[in-house]
Amino acid sequence: MLFRVDPASPDPLFTQLAGQVRAAVARGELADGERLPGARELASSLDINLHTVLRAYQELRDEGVIELRRGRGAVVTAPAQDNAELHAAVETLVRVARSLGVAPQTTTALVKEALR
């Protein structure tokens, strides 16, 4: 699993990282019992602070997406879900937004607003 962060994004780095893990679990790319990279290793590979990774991992732990195990690191605990209908709806949303010329940032803002 390849994680990336965008320092220029208005979203905090830990939020970006946690969001990528959530999305990977939702897509089935990360399965129950699968280990995430160690916090030090991930911080080094992304060139970010160790505490940023730890904060993302703690947020995911609090949500029940991962379990933090001493000596074993972060392990996915969220069960796999069938999100086929959701994926289809997102693909439709993206296609319509592109056809209307709506900027990705605007589309994202609209989705975030609708989720509140």
Protein backbone atom coordinates (compact mmCIF):
# COMPACT_ATOMS: atom_id res chain seq x y z
CA MET A 1 0.00 0.00 0.00
CA LEU A 2 1.43 3.33 -1.06
CA PHE A 3 0.52 6.35 1.02
CA ARG A 4 1.05 9.95 -0.06
CA VAL A 5 0.52 13.31 1.57
CA ASP A 6 0.29 16.76 0.03
CA PRO A 7 1.94 19.43 2.19
CA ALA A 8 0.19 22.13 0.11
CA SER A 9 -3.27 20.73 0.88
CA PRO A 10 -5.44 22.64 3.34
CA ASP A 11 -6.15 19.31 5.10
CA PRO A 12 -3.73 18.41 7.91
CA LEU A 13 -1.24 15.68 7.06
CA PHE A 14 -2.61 13.29 9.69
CA THR A 15 -6.12 13.74 8.24
CA GLN A 16 -4.84 12.96 4.74
CA LEU A 17 -3.08 9.83 5.96
CA ALA A 18 -6.05 8.58 8.02
CA GLY A 19 -8.35 9.23 5.06
CA GLN A 20 -6.19 7.13 2.77
CA VAL A 21 -6.27 4.22 5.21
CA ARG A 22 -10.07 4.50 5.57
CA ALA A 23 -10.47 4.57 1.78
CA ALA A 24 -8.15 1.57 1.31
CA VAL A 25 -10.19 -0.41 3.84
CA ALA A 26 -13.44 0.63 2.15
CA ARG A 27 -12.09 -0.44 -1.27
CA GLY A 28 -10.92 -3.77 0.15
CA GLU A 29 -7.26 -3.00 -0.49
CA LEU A 30 -6.56 -3.42 3.23
CA ALA A 31 -8.18 -6.43 4.86
CA ASP A 32 -8.95 -7.35 8.45
CA GLY A 33 -5.73 -8.52 10.14
CA GLU A 34 -3.42 -6.79 7.68
CA ARG A 35 -0.54 -4.81 9.18
CA LEU A 36 0.12 -1.18 8.34
CA PRO A 37 3.68 0.11 8.09
CA GLY A 38 5.35 0.97 11.37
CA ALA A 39 4.94 4.61 12.39
CA ARG A 40 8.66 5.36 12.20
CA GLU A 41 9.01 3.65 8.83
CA LEU A 42 5.99 5.46 7.39
CA ALA A 43 7.06 8.84 8.77
CA SER A 44 10.49 8.38 7.23
CA SER A 45 9.14 7.28 3.84
CA LEU A 46 6.72 10.25 3.70
CA ASP A 47 9.28 12.67 5.16
CA ILE A 48 6.86 13.77 7.89
CA ASN A 49 7.02 13.89 11.67
CA LEU A 50 6.56 10.63 13.59
CA HIS A 51 3.86 12.26 15.73
CA THR A 52 1.83 13.04 12.60
CA VAL A 53 1.66 9.33 11.76
CA LEU A 54 0.91 8.45 15.37
CA ARG A 55 -1.95 10.95 15.45
CA ALA A 56 -3.44 9.43 12.28
CA TYR A 57 -3.09 5.94 13.74
CA GLN A 58 -4.69 7.04 17.03
CA GLU A 59 -7.63 8.57 15.16
CA LEU A 60 -8.11 5.33 13.23
CA ARG A 61 -7.84 3.34 16.46
CA ASP A 62 -10.50 5.51 18.10
CA GLU A 63 -12.80 4.85 15.12
CA GLY A 64 -12.22 1.09 15.34
CA VAL A 65 -10.53 0.89 11.93
CA ILE A 66 -7.21 -0.34 13.35
CA GLU A 67 -5.88 -1.80 16.54
CA LEU A 68 -2.52 -0.70 17.91
CA ARG A 69 -0.59 -3.67 19.28
CA ARG A 70 2.65 -3.23 21.18
CA GLY A 71 5.39 -4.93 19.25
CA ARG A 72 3.16 -5.64 16.25
CA GLY A 73 2.20 -2.12 15.24
CA ALA A 74 -1.06 -1.11 13.61
CA VAL A 75 -3.36 -3.89 12.43
CA VAL A 76 -6.57 -3.39 10.44
CA THR A 77 -9.62 -4.48 12.44
CA ALA A 78 -12.41 -3.12 10.26
CA PRO A 79 -14.33 -5.89 8.53
CA ALA A 80 -14.51 -5.86 4.76
CA GLN A 81 -17.63 -4.21 3.41
CA ASP A 82 -19.41 -4.46 0.12
CA ASN A 83 -19.33 -0.86 -1.08
CA ALA A 84 -20.08 -1.54 -4.73
CA GLU A 85 -23.15 0.71 -4.74
CA LEU A 86 -21.22 3.52 -3.07
CA HIS A 87 -18.33 3.19 -5.54
CA ALA A 88 -20.76 3.35 -8.46
CA ALA A 89 -22.37 6.50 -7.01
CA VAL A 90 -18.98 8.14 -6.53
CA GLU A 91 -17.97 7.29 -10.10
CA THR A 92 -21.22 8.83 -11.33
CA LEU A 93 -20.62 11.94 -9.23
CA VAL A 94 -17.11 12.34 -10.64
CA ARG A 95 -18.30 11.83 -14.22
CA VAL A 96 -21.08 14.42 -13.84
CA ALA A 97 -18.80 16.93 -12.09
CA ARG A 98 -16.23 16.61 -14.88
CA SER A 99 -18.86 16.97 -17.60
CA LEU A 100 -20.08 20.18 -15.94
CA GLY A 101 -16.54 21.49 -15.57
CA VAL A 102 -16.72 21.60 -11.77
CA ALA A 103 -13.27 21.80 -10.16
CA PRO A 104 -12.24 18.79 -8.03
CA GLN A 105 -11.86 21.06 -4.99
CA THR A 106 -15.43 22.31 -5.43
CA THR A 107 -16.76 18.77 -5.80
CA THR A 108 -14.90 17.69 -2.67
CA ALA A 109 -16.22 20.69 -0.75
CA LEU A 110 -19.77 19.86 -1.82
CA VAL A 111 -19.41 16.25 -0.71
CA LYS A 112 -17.91 17.27 2.64
CA GLU A 113 -20.77 19.73 3.18
CA ALA A 114 -23.36 17.07 2.34
CA LEU A 115 -21.79 14.66 4.84
CA ARG A 116 -22.08 17.09 7.73
